[in-house]
Amino acid sequence: MQYRRLGRSGLKVSVLSFGSWVTFGNQDQLGTVERAAECLDAARQAGVNFFDNAEAYAGGESERVMGEAIRQLGWARHEYVVSTKLFWGLHEQVNMRNTLNRKYLSQAIEGSLERFGLDFVDLVFCHRPDPNTPLEETVWAMSDMISRGQALYWGTSEWSADEIRAAYEIAERHHLHKPLMEQPQYNILWRDKVEKEYKRLYEDIGLGLTIWSPLASGLLTGKYLTGVPENSRANLPGYEWLKGMLTDEARNQKVAQLKEIADELDVSLAQMSLAWCAKNPNVSTVITGASNAEQVRENMTALDVMPMLTPEIMERIDLISLF
């Protein structure tokens, strides 16, 4: 396993990490703490030290399952880095949904810590931007969260470059804890935000990236080239929106071409796609997902594929994905 600094911080995270979106608490096969523990253990044995989560995943159940699985595994707190993300909320009351106001953030982090069974999380993200709350209020609330010891670093997810820079400048002006990292979608087929929009932020403010959906919600496994399998997450209640993306003809044509390159390298398309994300030096960690421990172990072999992605191979991938 390789470890990279998270932005300009001194914190090091494994280049491949494990996330619980659409797994813990959602699907029957990972509905139990025992099966979750199997996945976490497989990832940890491969050298993974960062485990990503969010308040909204399975309505808070994902945090509870991950926390209980970690306790069953007996991990010491210094052995791992864990995150949560706040924005969507769990309660229907006003001030508790789709917001980054101080009241919500102060209570949401307390709820997350209770479900995890932890005194603090290492990373906390503003899961989406909130145009209805003054940015200064959000920055102060996040900085206070760090000062209280409820989290060690804070960042954003799916914010624009302008929003991130504005938050950073507010924090700098008021001598507050600055946003350190961003969690955007990034994969071979979705590249603009990471490679173009954020380009100046890596050098200007030392932005770190914990990227999600490196396999484009499974599209870059190649399993949707012939339709949507019955056990796909796209068939889960609430995830119907995925079907359109996964069955898009133009995207699947690119996937078929990318699979030809993977076949030439004698690796799976998923392994090649994960390795491709990790080749970007601005990416601190690639968040992987899996339904079982065997999938976790297969994802980890992407580390062996990275040296195979020569400049020539990377150029061929660019010609497919960018045009």
C-alpha atoms as a PDB file:
ATOM      1  CA  MET A   1       0.000   0.000   0.000  1.00  0.00           C
ATOM      2  CA  GLN A   2       1.104   3.545  -0.725  1.00  0.00           C
ATOM      3  CA  TYR A   3       0.281   6.452   1.592  1.00  0.00           C
ATOM      4  CA  ARG A   4      -0.121  10.069   0.556  1.00  0.00           C
ATOM      5  CA  ARG A   5      -0.445  13.261   2.531  1.00  0.00           C
ATOM      6  CA  LEU A   6      -3.948  14.686   2.590  1.00  0.00           C
ATOM      7  CA  GLY A   7      -3.369  18.026   0.904  1.00  0.00           C
ATOM      8  CA  ARG A   8      -0.816  20.062   2.833  1.00  0.00           C
ATOM      9  CA  SER A   9      -1.634  18.420   6.147  1.00  0.00           C
ATOM     10  CA  GLY A  10       0.684  15.985   7.865  1.00  0.00           C
ATOM     11  CA  LEU A  11      -2.022  13.289   7.788  1.00  0.00           C
ATOM     12  CA  LYS A  12      -1.281  10.330   5.538  1.00  0.00           C
ATOM     13  CA  VAL A  13      -4.045   8.240   3.977  1.00  0.00           C
ATOM     14  CA  SER A  14      -3.815   5.040   1.969  1.00  0.00           C
ATOM     15  CA  VAL A  15      -3.968   5.687  -1.779  1.00  0.00           C
ATOM     16  CA  LEU A  16      -6.846   3.186  -1.912  1.00  0.00           C
ATOM     17  CA  SER A  17      -9.490   3.535   0.793  1.00  0.00           C
ATOM     18  CA  PHE A  18     -12.853   1.968   1.579  1.00  0.00           C
ATOM     19  CA  GLY A  19     -16.253   3.703   1.588  1.00  0.00           C
ATOM     20  CA  SER A  20     -19.653   2.512   2.761  1.00  0.00           C
ATOM     21  CA  TRP A  21     -22.001   4.278   0.328  1.00  0.00           C
ATOM     22  CA  VAL A  22     -24.789   1.917  -0.862  1.00  0.00           C
ATOM     23  CA  THR A  23     -23.370  -0.938   1.188  1.00  0.00           C
ATOM     24  CA  PHE A  24     -23.572  -0.824   4.974  1.00  0.00           C
ATOM     25  CA  GLY A  25     -27.203  -0.836   6.046  1.00  0.00           C
ATOM     26  CA  ASN A  26     -28.581  -0.794   2.495  1.00  0.00           C
ATOM     27  CA  GLN A  27     -28.110  -4.159   0.837  1.00  0.00           C
ATOM     28  CA  ASP A  28     -29.069  -7.456   2.442  1.00  0.00           C
ATOM     29  CA  GLN A  29     -25.629  -8.950   1.987  1.00  0.00           C
ATOM     30  CA  LEU A  30     -24.052  -6.153   4.003  1.00  0.00           C
ATOM     31  CA  GLY A  31     -26.951  -5.522   6.322  1.00  0.00           C
ATOM     32  CA  THR A  32     -25.179  -7.278   9.156  1.00  0.00           C
ATOM     33  CA  VAL A  33     -22.276  -6.007  11.211  1.00  0.00           C
ATOM     34  CA  GLU A  34     -20.487  -9.299  10.663  1.00  0.00           C
ATOM     35  CA  ARG A  35     -20.376  -8.922   6.889  1.00  0.00           C
ATOM     36  CA  ALA A  36     -19.311  -5.296   7.230  1.00  0.00           C
ATOM     37  CA  ALA A  37     -16.491  -6.376   9.520  1.00  0.00           C
ATOM     38  CA  GLU A  38     -15.306  -8.856   6.875  1.00  0.00           C
ATOM     39  CA  CYS A  39     -14.981  -6.040   4.337  1.00  0.00           C
ATOM     40  CA  LEU A  40     -13.246  -3.686   6.771  1.00  0.00           C
ATOM     41  CA  ASP A  41     -10.843  -6.424   7.835  1.00  0.00           C
ATOM     42  CA  ALA A  42      -9.974  -7.298   4.233  1.00  0.00           C
ATOM     43  CA  ALA A  43      -9.283  -3.648   3.475  1.00  0.00           C
ATOM     44  CA  ARG A  44      -7.182  -3.185   6.615  1.00  0.00           C
ATOM     45  CA  GLN A  45      -5.136  -6.294   5.842  1.00  0.00           C
ATOM     46  CA  ALA A  46      -4.337  -4.743   2.460  1.00  0.00           C
ATOM     47  CA  GLY A  47      -3.001  -1.636   4.190  1.00  0.00           C
ATOM     48  CA  VAL A  48      -6.085   0.596   3.964  1.00  0.00           C
ATOM     49  CA  ASN A  49      -6.202   3.111   6.800  1.00  0.00           C
ATOM     50  CA  PHE A  50      -8.995   5.472   5.631  1.00  0.00           C
ATOM     51  CA  PHE A  51     -12.674   4.534   5.880  1.00  0.00           C
ATOM     52  CA  ASP A  52     -15.264   6.915   4.456  1.00  0.00           C
ATOM     53  CA  ASN A  53     -18.847   7.353   5.642  1.00  0.00           C
ATOM     54  CA  ALA A  54     -21.646   9.932   5.840  1.00  0.00           C
ATOM     55  CA  GLU A  55     -24.618  10.794   8.001  1.00  0.00           C
ATOM     56  CA  ALA A  56     -26.973  10.339   5.054  1.00  0.00           C
ATOM     57  CA  TYR A  57     -25.802   6.843   4.099  1.00  0.00           C
ATOM     58  CA  ALA A  58     -28.709   4.509   4.898  1.00  0.00           C
ATOM     59  CA  GLY A  59     -30.204   7.214   7.109  1.00  0.00           C
ATOM     60  CA  GLY A  60     -27.420   7.023   9.680  1.00  0.00           C
ATOM     61  CA  GLU A  61     -27.356   3.222   9.776  1.00  0.00           C
ATOM     62  CA  SER A  62     -24.081   3.084   7.832  1.00  0.00           C
ATOM     63  CA  GLU A  63     -22.255   4.958  10.592  1.00  0.00           C
ATOM     64  CA  ARG A  64     -23.720   2.669  13.254  1.00  0.00           C
ATOM     65  CA  VAL A  65     -22.763  -0.491  11.358  1.00  0.00           C
ATOM     66  CA  MET A  66     -19.228   0.718  10.654  1.00  0.00           C
ATOM     67  CA  GLY A  67     -18.704   1.774  14.254  1.00  0.00           C
ATOM     68  CA  GLU A  68     -19.917  -1.552  15.623  1.00  0.00           C
ATOM     69  CA  ALA A  69     -17.834  -3.501  13.093  1.00  0.00           C
ATOM     70  CA  ILE A  70     -14.702  -1.597  14.132  1.00  0.00           C
ATOM     71  CA  ARG A  71     -15.410  -2.396  17.772  1.00  0.00           C
ATOM     72  CA  GLN A  72     -15.845  -6.084  16.936  1.00  0.00           C
ATOM     73  CA  LEU A  73     -12.520  -6.050  15.093  1.00  0.00           C
ATOM     74  CA  GLY A  74     -10.868  -4.501  18.134  1.00  0.00           C
ATOM     75  CA  TRP A  75      -9.006  -1.778  16.238  1.00  0.00           C
ATOM     76  CA  ALA A  76      -7.171   0.787  18.321  1.00  0.00           C
ATOM     77  CA  ARG A  77      -8.258   4.355  17.557  1.00  0.00           C
ATOM     78  CA  HIS A  78      -4.794   5.347  16.326  1.00  0.00           C
ATOM     79  CA  GLU A  79      -4.848   2.638  13.642  1.00  0.00           C
ATOM     80  CA  TYR A  80      -7.429   4.137  11.298  1.00  0.00           C
ATOM     81  CA  VAL A  81      -8.808   7.353   9.818  1.00  0.00           C
ATOM     82  CA  VAL A  82     -12.589   7.690   9.580  1.00  0.00           C
ATOM     83  CA  SER A  83     -14.802  10.370   8.054  1.00  0.00           C
ATOM     84  CA  THR A  84     -18.377  11.534   7.952  1.00  0.00           C
ATOM     85  CA  LYS A  85     -20.212  14.048   5.788  1.00  0.00           C
ATOM     86  CA  LEU A  86     -22.985  16.439   6.829  1.00  0.00           C
ATOM     87  CA  PHE A  87     -25.706  18.282   4.878  1.00  0.00           C
ATOM     88  CA  TRP A  88     -28.768  16.187   4.025  1.00  0.00           C
ATOM     89  CA  GLY A  89     -29.905  15.637   7.616  1.00  0.00           C
ATOM     90  CA  LEU A  90     -31.973  12.879   9.218  1.00  0.00           C
ATOM     91  CA  HIS A  91     -34.890  14.856  10.690  1.00  0.00           C
ATOM     92  CA  GLU A  92     -37.771  16.488   8.841  1.00  0.00           C
ATOM     93  CA  GLN A  93     -37.887  19.594  11.045  1.00  0.00           C
ATOM     94  CA  VAL A  94     -36.955  23.005   9.696  1.00  0.00           C
ATOM     95  CA  ASN A  95     -33.206  23.774  10.114  1.00  0.00           C
ATOM     96  CA  MET A  96     -32.401  20.053  10.021  1.00  0.00           C
ATOM     97  CA  ARG A  97     -32.510  19.249   6.286  1.00  0.00           C
ATOM     98  CA  ASN A  98     -30.325  20.265   3.325  1.00  0.00           C
ATOM     99  CA  THR A  99     -28.465  22.916   5.257  1.00  0.00           C
ATOM    100  CA  LEU A 100     -25.096  23.937   6.650  1.00  0.00           C
ATOM    101  CA  ASN A 101     -26.357  26.306   9.315  1.00  0.00           C
ATOM    102  CA  ARG A 102     -24.695  26.348  12.732  1.00  0.00           C
ATOM    103  CA  LYS A 103     -27.595  24.674  14.557  1.00  0.00           C
ATOM    104  CA  TYR A 104     -27.727  21.719  12.198  1.00  0.00           C
ATOM    105  CA  LEU A 105     -23.957  21.227  11.988  1.00  0.00           C
ATOM    106  CA  SER A 106     -23.498  21.397  15.770  1.00  0.00           C
ATOM    107  CA  GLN A 107     -26.165  18.756  16.374  1.00  0.00           C
ATOM    108  CA  ALA A 108     -25.394  16.610  13.321  1.00  0.00           C
ATOM    109  CA  ILE A 109     -21.791  15.950  14.356  1.00  0.00           C
ATOM    110  CA  GLU A 110     -22.982  14.916  17.827  1.00  0.00           C
ATOM    111  CA  GLY A 111     -25.385  12.427  16.241  1.00  0.00           C
ATOM    112  CA  SER A 112     -22.690  10.995  13.981  1.00  0.00           C
ATOM    113  CA  LEU A 113     -20.263  10.509  16.864  1.00  0.00           C
ATOM    114  CA  GLU A 114     -22.978   8.791  18.901  1.00  0.00           C
ATOM    115  CA  ARG A 115     -23.777   6.376  16.059  1.00  0.00           C
ATOM    116  CA  PHE A 116     -20.082   5.647  15.451  1.00  0.00           C
ATOM    117  CA  GLY A 117     -19.438   5.282  19.163  1.00  0.00           C
ATOM    118  CA  LEU A 118     -16.401   7.570  18.815  1.00  0.00           C
ATOM    119  CA  ASP A 119     -15.128  10.666  20.578  1.00  0.00           C
ATOM    120  CA  PHE A 120     -14.082  12.239  17.263  1.00  0.00           C
ATOM    121  CA  VAL A 121     -13.893  11.643  13.534  1.00  0.00           C
ATOM    122  CA  ASP A 122     -10.682  12.403  11.698  1.00  0.00           C
ATOM    123  CA  LEU A 123     -12.344  14.072   8.702  1.00  0.00           C
ATOM    124  CA  VAL A 124     -15.688  15.848   8.378  1.00  0.00           C
ATOM    125  CA  PHE A 125     -17.046  17.123   5.065  1.00  0.00           C
ATOM    126  CA  CYS A 126     -19.775  19.568   4.121  1.00  0.00           C
ATOM    127  CA  HIS A 127     -21.554  17.078   1.877  1.00  0.00           C
ATOM    128  CA  ARG A 128     -22.890  19.727  -0.520  1.00  0.00           C
ATOM    129  CA  PRO A 129     -22.799  23.546  -0.680  1.00  0.00           C
ATOM    130  CA  ASP A 130     -25.665  25.461   0.934  1.00  0.00           C
ATOM    131  CA  PRO A 131     -26.626  28.633  -0.961  1.00  0.00           C
ATOM    132  CA  ASN A 132     -29.156  29.571   1.730  1.00  0.00           C
ATOM    133  CA  THR A 133     -26.704  29.844   4.637  1.00  0.00           C
ATOM    134  CA  PRO A 134     -24.057  32.588   4.743  1.00  0.00           C
ATOM    135  CA  LEU A 135     -20.732  30.951   3.941  1.00  0.00           C
ATOM    136  CA  GLU A 136     -19.114  32.725   6.878  1.00  0.00           C
ATOM    137  CA  GLU A 137     -21.570  31.016   9.258  1.00  0.00           C
ATOM    138  CA  THR A 138     -20.674  27.605   7.864  1.00  0.00           C
ATOM    139  CA  VAL A 139     -16.933  28.248   8.029  1.00  0.00           C
ATOM    140  CA  TRP A 140     -17.151  29.397  11.650  1.00  0.00           C
ATOM    141  CA  ALA A 141     -19.293  26.368  12.585  1.00  0.00           C
ATOM    142  CA  MET A 142     -16.876  23.922  10.942  1.00  0.00           C
ATOM    143  CA  SER A 143     -13.864  25.596  12.511  1.00  0.00           C
ATOM    144  CA  ASP A 144     -15.527  25.463  15.929  1.00  0.00           C
ATOM    145  CA  MET A 145     -16.139  21.746  15.379  1.00  0.00           C
ATOM    146  CA  ILE A 146     -12.390  21.274  14.980  1.00  0.00           C
ATOM    147  CA  SER A 147     -11.648  23.445  18.019  1.00  0.00           C
ATOM    148  CA  ARG A 148     -14.037  21.360  20.138  1.00  0.00           C
ATOM    149  CA  GLY A 149     -12.135  18.218  19.170  1.00  0.00           C
ATOM    150  CA  GLN A 150     -15.092  16.573  17.441  1.00  0.00           C
ATOM    151  CA  ALA A 151     -13.117  16.326  14.187  1.00  0.00           C
ATOM    152  CA  LEU A 152      -9.497  16.891  13.227  1.00  0.00           C
ATOM    153  CA  TYR A 153      -9.828  18.268   9.687  1.00  0.00           C
ATOM    154  CA  TRP A 154     -12.731  19.637   7.667  1.00  0.00           C
ATOM    155  CA  GLY A 155     -13.435  19.881   3.985  1.00  0.00           C
ATOM    156  CA  THR A 156     -16.092  19.905   1.307  1.00  0.00           C
ATOM    157  CA  SER A 157     -17.766  17.572  -1.168  1.00  0.00           C
ATOM    158  CA  GLU A 158     -18.934  18.573  -4.645  1.00  0.00           C
ATOM    159  CA  TRP A 159     -18.299  22.277  -4.050  1.00  0.00           C
ATOM    160  CA  SER A 160     -17.218  24.566  -6.857  1.00  0.00           C
ATOM    161  CA  ALA A 161     -13.676  25.914  -6.937  1.00  0.00           C
ATOM    162  CA  ASP A 162     -15.026  29.416  -6.238  1.00  0.00           C
ATOM    163  CA  GLU A 163     -16.919  28.189  -3.162  1.00  0.00           C
ATOM    164  CA  ILE A 164     -13.871  26.362  -1.806  1.00  0.00           C
ATOM    165  CA  ARG A 165     -11.609  29.358  -2.345  1.00  0.00           C
ATOM    166  CA  ALA A 166     -14.145  31.699  -0.714  1.00  0.00           C
ATOM    167  CA  ALA A 167     -14.401  29.427   2.349  1.00  0.00           C
ATOM    168  CA  TYR A 168     -10.610  29.239   2.576  1.00  0.00           C
ATOM    169  CA  GLU A 169     -10.263  33.021   2.414  1.00  0.00           C
ATOM    170  CA  ILE A 170     -12.903  33.536   5.122  1.00  0.00           C
ATOM    171  CA  ALA A 171     -11.035  31.115   7.383  1.00  0.00           C
ATOM    172  CA  GLU A 172      -7.724  32.784   6.647  1.00  0.00           C
ATOM    173  CA  ARG A 173      -9.124  36.275   7.305  1.00  0.00           C
ATOM    174  CA  HIS A 174     -10.546  35.277  10.685  1.00  0.00           C
ATOM    175  CA  HIS A 175      -7.665  32.929  11.678  1.00  0.00           C
ATOM    176  CA  LEU A 176      -9.970  29.895  11.643  1.00  0.00           C
ATOM    177  CA  HIS A 177      -9.347  26.261  10.737  1.00  0.00           C
ATOM    178  CA  LYS A 178      -9.247  26.171   6.937  1.00  0.00           C
ATOM    179  CA  PRO A 179     -10.938  23.625   4.651  1.00  0.00           C
ATOM    180  CA  LEU A 180      -8.310  21.050   3.761  1.00  0.00           C
ATOM    181  CA  MET A 181      -9.865  18.561   1.359  1.00  0.00           C
ATOM    182  CA  GLU A 182     -12.589  18.104  -1.227  1.00  0.00           C
ATOM    183  CA  GLN A 183     -14.457  14.902  -2.117  1.00  0.00           C
ATOM    184  CA  PRO A 184     -15.527  15.069  -5.778  1.00  0.00           C
ATOM    185  CA  GLN A 185     -16.594  12.409  -8.223  1.00  0.00           C
ATOM    186  CA  TYR A 186     -13.619  11.469 -10.381  1.00  0.00           C
ATOM    187  CA  ASN A 187     -13.080   8.664 -12.845  1.00  0.00           C
ATOM    188  CA  ILE A 188     -12.029   8.073 -16.431  1.00  0.00           C
ATOM    189  CA  LEU A 189     -15.379   9.359 -17.709  1.00  0.00           C
ATOM    190  CA  TRP A 190     -15.867  12.291 -15.245  1.00  0.00           C
ATOM    191  CA  ARG A 191     -12.699  14.390 -15.233  1.00  0.00           C
ATOM    192  CA  ASP A 192     -13.340  18.117 -15.679  1.00  0.00           C
ATOM    193  CA  LYS A 193     -13.836  19.175 -12.060  1.00  0.00           C
ATOM    194  CA  VAL A 194     -10.652  17.543 -10.782  1.00  0.00           C
ATOM    195  CA  GLU A 195      -8.447  18.201 -13.808  1.00  0.00           C
ATOM    196  CA  LYS A 196      -9.660  21.672 -14.861  1.00  0.00           C
ATOM    197  CA  GLU A 197     -11.858  23.478 -12.334  1.00  0.00           C
ATOM    198  CA  TYR A 198      -9.732  22.706  -9.256  1.00  0.00           C
ATOM    199  CA  LYS A 199      -6.385  22.976 -11.046  1.00  0.00           C
ATOM    200  CA  ARG A 200      -5.261  26.215  -9.355  1.00  0.00           C
ATOM    201  CA  LEU A 201      -6.361  25.093  -5.887  1.00  0.00           C
ATOM    202  CA  TYR A 202      -3.769  22.321  -5.536  1.00  0.00           C
ATOM    203  CA  GLU A 203      -0.888  24.786  -5.551  1.00  0.00           C
ATOM    204  CA  ASP A 204      -2.675  27.877  -4.216  1.00  0.00           C
ATOM    205  CA  ILE A 205      -4.231  26.371  -1.069  1.00  0.00           C
ATOM    206  CA  GLY A 206      -2.872  22.816  -1.018  1.00  0.00           C
ATOM    207  CA  LEU A 207      -6.233  21.153  -1.613  1.00  0.00           C
ATOM    208  CA  GLY A 208      -6.319  17.390  -1.023  1.00  0.00           C
ATOM    209  CA  LEU A 209      -8.752  15.034  -2.769  1.00  0.00           C
ATOM    210  CA  THR A 210     -10.609  11.991  -1.454  1.00  0.00           C
ATOM    211  CA  ILE A 211     -12.329  11.029  -4.693  1.00  0.00           C
ATOM    212  CA  TRP A 212     -15.547   8.982  -4.928  1.00  0.00           C
ATOM    213  CA  SER A 213     -17.110   6.844  -7.657  1.00  0.00           C
ATOM    214  CA  PRO A 214     -13.824   5.821  -9.324  1.00  0.00           C
ATOM    215  CA  LEU A 215     -15.797   3.130 -11.186  1.00  0.00           C
ATOM    216  CA  ALA A 216     -18.638   5.500 -12.159  1.00  0.00           C
ATOM    217  CA  SER A 217     -21.138   3.626  -9.975  1.00  0.00           C
ATOM    218  CA  GLY A 218     -20.096   0.349 -11.610  1.00  0.00           C
ATOM    219  CA  LEU A 219     -20.168   1.537 -15.218  1.00  0.00           C
ATOM    220  CA  LEU A 220     -16.382   1.101 -15.430  1.00  0.00           C
ATOM    221  CA  THR A 221     -16.585  -2.551 -14.441  1.00  0.00           C
ATOM    222  CA  GLY A 222     -18.061  -3.339 -17.858  1.00  0.00           C
ATOM    223  CA  LYS A 223     -20.942  -5.317 -16.342  1.00  0.00           C
ATOM    224  CA  TYR A 224     -23.539  -2.958 -17.815  1.00  0.00           C
ATOM    225  CA  LEU A 225     -22.468  -3.470 -21.424  1.00  0.00           C
ATOM    226  CA  THR A 226     -25.303  -5.977 -21.852  1.00  0.00           C
ATOM    227  CA  GLY A 227     -27.904  -4.312 -19.627  1.00  0.00           C
ATOM    228  CA  VAL A 228     -28.584  -3.899 -15.900  1.00  0.00           C
ATOM    229  CA  PRO A 229     -28.026  -7.091 -13.849  1.00  0.00           C
ATOM    230  CA  GLU A 230     -30.803  -8.054 -11.463  1.00  0.00           C
ATOM    231  CA  ASN A 231     -28.621  -7.561  -8.370  1.00  0.00           C
ATOM    232  CA  SER A 232     -27.387  -4.117  -9.451  1.00  0.00           C
ATOM    233  CA  ARG A 233     -27.591  -1.165  -7.058  1.00  0.00           C
ATOM    234  CA  ALA A 234     -29.587   0.554  -9.822  1.00  0.00           C
ATOM    235  CA  ASN A 235     -32.449  -1.773  -8.888  1.00  0.00           C
ATOM    236  CA  LEU A 236     -32.396  -0.710  -5.240  1.00  0.00           C
ATOM    237  CA  PRO A 237     -35.246   1.577  -4.073  1.00  0.00           C
ATOM    238  CA  GLY A 238     -34.118   5.177  -4.335  1.00  0.00           C
ATOM    239  CA  TYR A 239     -31.357   4.467  -6.859  1.00  0.00           C
ATOM    240  CA  GLU A 240     -33.458   4.345 -10.018  1.00  0.00           C
ATOM    241  CA  TRP A 241     -31.655   7.504 -11.189  1.00  0.00           C
ATOM    242  CA  LEU A 242     -28.574   5.382 -11.852  1.00  0.00           C
ATOM    243  CA  LYS A 243     -30.214   3.373 -14.624  1.00  0.00           C
ATOM    244  CA  GLY A 244     -30.098   6.156 -17.188  1.00  0.00           C
ATOM    245  CA  MET A 245     -26.396   6.724 -16.647  1.00  0.00           C
ATOM    246  CA  LEU A 246     -25.519   3.036 -16.568  1.00  0.00           C
ATOM    247  CA  THR A 247     -27.360   2.254 -19.789  1.00  0.00           C
ATOM    248  CA  ASP A 248     -26.230   5.349 -21.724  1.00  0.00           C
ATOM    249  CA  GLU A 249     -25.203   4.100 -25.166  1.00  0.00           C
ATOM    250  CA  ALA A 250     -22.435   6.642 -25.810  1.00  0.00           C
ATOM    251  CA  ARG A 251     -20.792   6.027 -22.447  1.00  0.00           C
ATOM    252  CA  ASN A 252     -20.986   2.261 -22.862  1.00  0.00           C
ATOM    253  CA  GLN A 253     -19.294   2.549 -26.243  1.00  0.00           C
ATOM    254  CA  LYS A 254     -16.364   4.202 -24.471  1.00  0.00           C
ATOM    255  CA  VAL A 255     -16.455   1.521 -21.789  1.00  0.00           C
ATOM    256  CA  ALA A 256     -16.209  -1.178 -24.455  1.00  0.00           C
ATOM    257  CA  GLN A 257     -13.130   0.532 -25.936  1.00  0.00           C
ATOM    258  CA  LEU A 258     -11.543   0.916 -22.506  1.00  0.00           C
ATOM    259  CA  LYS A 259     -12.164  -2.762 -21.809  1.00  0.00           C
ATOM    260  CA  GLU A 260     -10.117  -3.627 -24.890  1.00  0.00           C
ATOM    261  CA  ILE A 261      -7.114  -1.863 -23.318  1.00  0.00           C
ATOM    262  CA  ALA A 262      -7.660  -3.661 -20.012  1.00  0.00           C
ATOM    263  CA  ASP A 263      -7.871  -6.988 -21.841  1.00  0.00           C
ATOM    264  CA  GLU A 264      -4.547  -6.242 -23.557  1.00  0.00           C
ATOM    265  CA  LEU A 265      -2.992  -5.631 -20.123  1.00  0.00           C
ATOM    266  CA  ASP A 266      -4.619  -8.844 -18.846  1.00  0.00           C
ATOM    267  CA  VAL A 267      -6.343  -7.007 -16.001  1.00  0.00           C
ATOM    268  CA  SER A 268      -9.981  -6.241 -15.290  1.00  0.00           C
ATOM    269  CA  LEU A 269     -11.485  -2.943 -16.405  1.00  0.00           C
ATOM    270  CA  ALA A 270     -12.225  -2.160 -12.757  1.00  0.00           C
ATOM    271  CA  GLN A 271      -8.595  -2.669 -11.743  1.00  0.00           C
ATOM    272  CA  MET A 272      -7.391  -0.467 -14.601  1.00  0.00           C
ATOM    273  CA  SER A 273      -9.930   2.245 -13.770  1.00  0.00           C
ATOM    274  CA  LEU A 274      -8.939   2.353 -10.094  1.00  0.00           C
ATOM    275  CA  ALA A 275      -5.255   2.432 -10.990  1.00  0.00           C
ATOM    276  CA  TRP A 276      -5.902   5.260 -13.452  1.00  0.00           C
ATOM    277  CA  CYS A 277      -7.444   7.408 -10.702  1.00  0.00           C
ATOM    278  CA  ALA A 278      -4.554   6.688  -8.360  1.00  0.00           C
ATOM    279  CA  LYS A 279      -2.042   7.773 -11.019  1.00  0.00           C
ATOM    280  CA  ASN A 280      -3.201  11.379 -10.567  1.00  0.00           C
ATOM    281  CA  PRO A 281      -0.749  12.928  -8.051  1.00  0.00           C
ATOM    282  CA  ASN A 282      -3.395  15.412  -6.867  1.00  0.00           C
ATOM    283  CA  VAL A 283      -5.573  12.539  -5.642  1.00  0.00           C
ATOM    284  CA  SER A 284      -4.802  11.779  -2.004  1.00  0.00           C
ATOM    285  CA  THR A 285      -6.981   8.664  -1.872  1.00  0.00           C
ATOM    286  CA  VAL A 286      -9.346   6.710  -4.123  1.00  0.00           C
ATOM    287  CA  ILE A 287     -12.462   5.609  -2.229  1.00  0.00           C
ATOM    288  CA  THR A 288     -13.430   2.100  -3.292  1.00  0.00           C
ATOM    289  CA  GLY A 289     -16.645   0.260  -2.522  1.00  0.00           C
ATOM    290  CA  ALA A 290     -17.468  -3.426  -2.370  1.00  0.00           C
ATOM    291  CA  SER A 291     -20.306  -5.792  -1.486  1.00  0.00           C
ATOM    292  CA  ASN A 292     -18.083  -8.483  -0.002  1.00  0.00           C
ATOM    293  CA  ALA A 293     -14.554  -9.124   1.195  1.00  0.00           C
ATOM    294  CA  GLU A 294     -13.523 -10.813  -2.051  1.00  0.00           C
ATOM    295  CA  GLN A 295     -14.395  -7.666  -4.012  1.00  0.00           C
ATOM    296  CA  VAL A 296     -12.352  -5.631  -1.536  1.00  0.00           C
ATOM    297  CA  ARG A 297      -9.321  -7.835  -2.145  1.00  0.00           C
ATOM    298  CA  GLU A 298      -9.793  -7.628  -5.920  1.00  0.00           C
ATOM    299  CA  ASN A 299      -9.970  -3.817  -5.772  1.00  0.00           C
ATOM    300  CA  MET A 300      -6.720  -3.690  -3.820  1.00  0.00           C
ATOM    301  CA  THR A 301      -4.857  -5.427  -6.662  1.00  0.00           C
ATOM    302  CA  ALA A 302      -5.250  -2.187  -8.629  1.00  0.00           C
ATOM    303  CA  LEU A 303      -2.001  -1.149  -6.951  1.00  0.00           C
ATOM    304  CA  ASP A 304      -0.221  -3.747  -9.082  1.00  0.00           C
ATOM    305  CA  VAL A 305      -1.728  -2.273 -12.252  1.00  0.00           C
ATOM    306  CA  MET A 306      -0.416   1.272 -11.714  1.00  0.00           C
ATOM    307  CA  PRO A 307       3.056   0.540 -13.174  1.00  0.00           C
ATOM    308  CA  MET A 308       1.388  -0.909 -16.278  1.00  0.00           C
ATOM    309  CA  LEU A 309      -0.228   2.434 -17.095  1.00  0.00           C
ATOM    310  CA  THR A 310       2.619   3.819 -19.142  1.00  0.00           C
ATOM    311  CA  PRO A 311       2.435   7.227 -20.828  1.00  0.00           C
ATOM    312  CA  GLU A 312       1.379   5.446 -24.008  1.00  0.00           C
ATOM    313  CA  ILE A 313      -1.472   3.612 -22.276  1.00  0.00           C
ATOM    314  CA  MET A 314      -2.568   6.799 -20.504  1.00  0.00           C
ATOM    315  CA  GLU A 315      -2.656   8.606 -23.848  1.00  0.00           C
ATOM    316  CA  ARG A 316      -4.819   5.872 -25.376  1.00  0.00           C
ATOM    317  CA  ILE A 317      -7.222   6.174 -22.435  1.00  0.00           C
ATOM    318  CA  ASP A 318      -7.329   9.945 -22.958  1.00  0.00           C
ATOM    319  CA  LEU A 319      -8.208   9.527 -26.614  1.00  0.00           C
ATOM    320  CA  ILE A 320     -11.209   7.401 -25.643  1.00  0.00           C
ATOM    321  CA  SER A 321     -12.442   9.324 -22.632  1.00  0.00           C
ATOM    322  CA  LEU A 322     -11.869  12.923 -23.745  1.00  0.00           C
ATOM    323  CA  PHE A 323     -13.305  12.681 -27.243  1.00  0.00           C
END
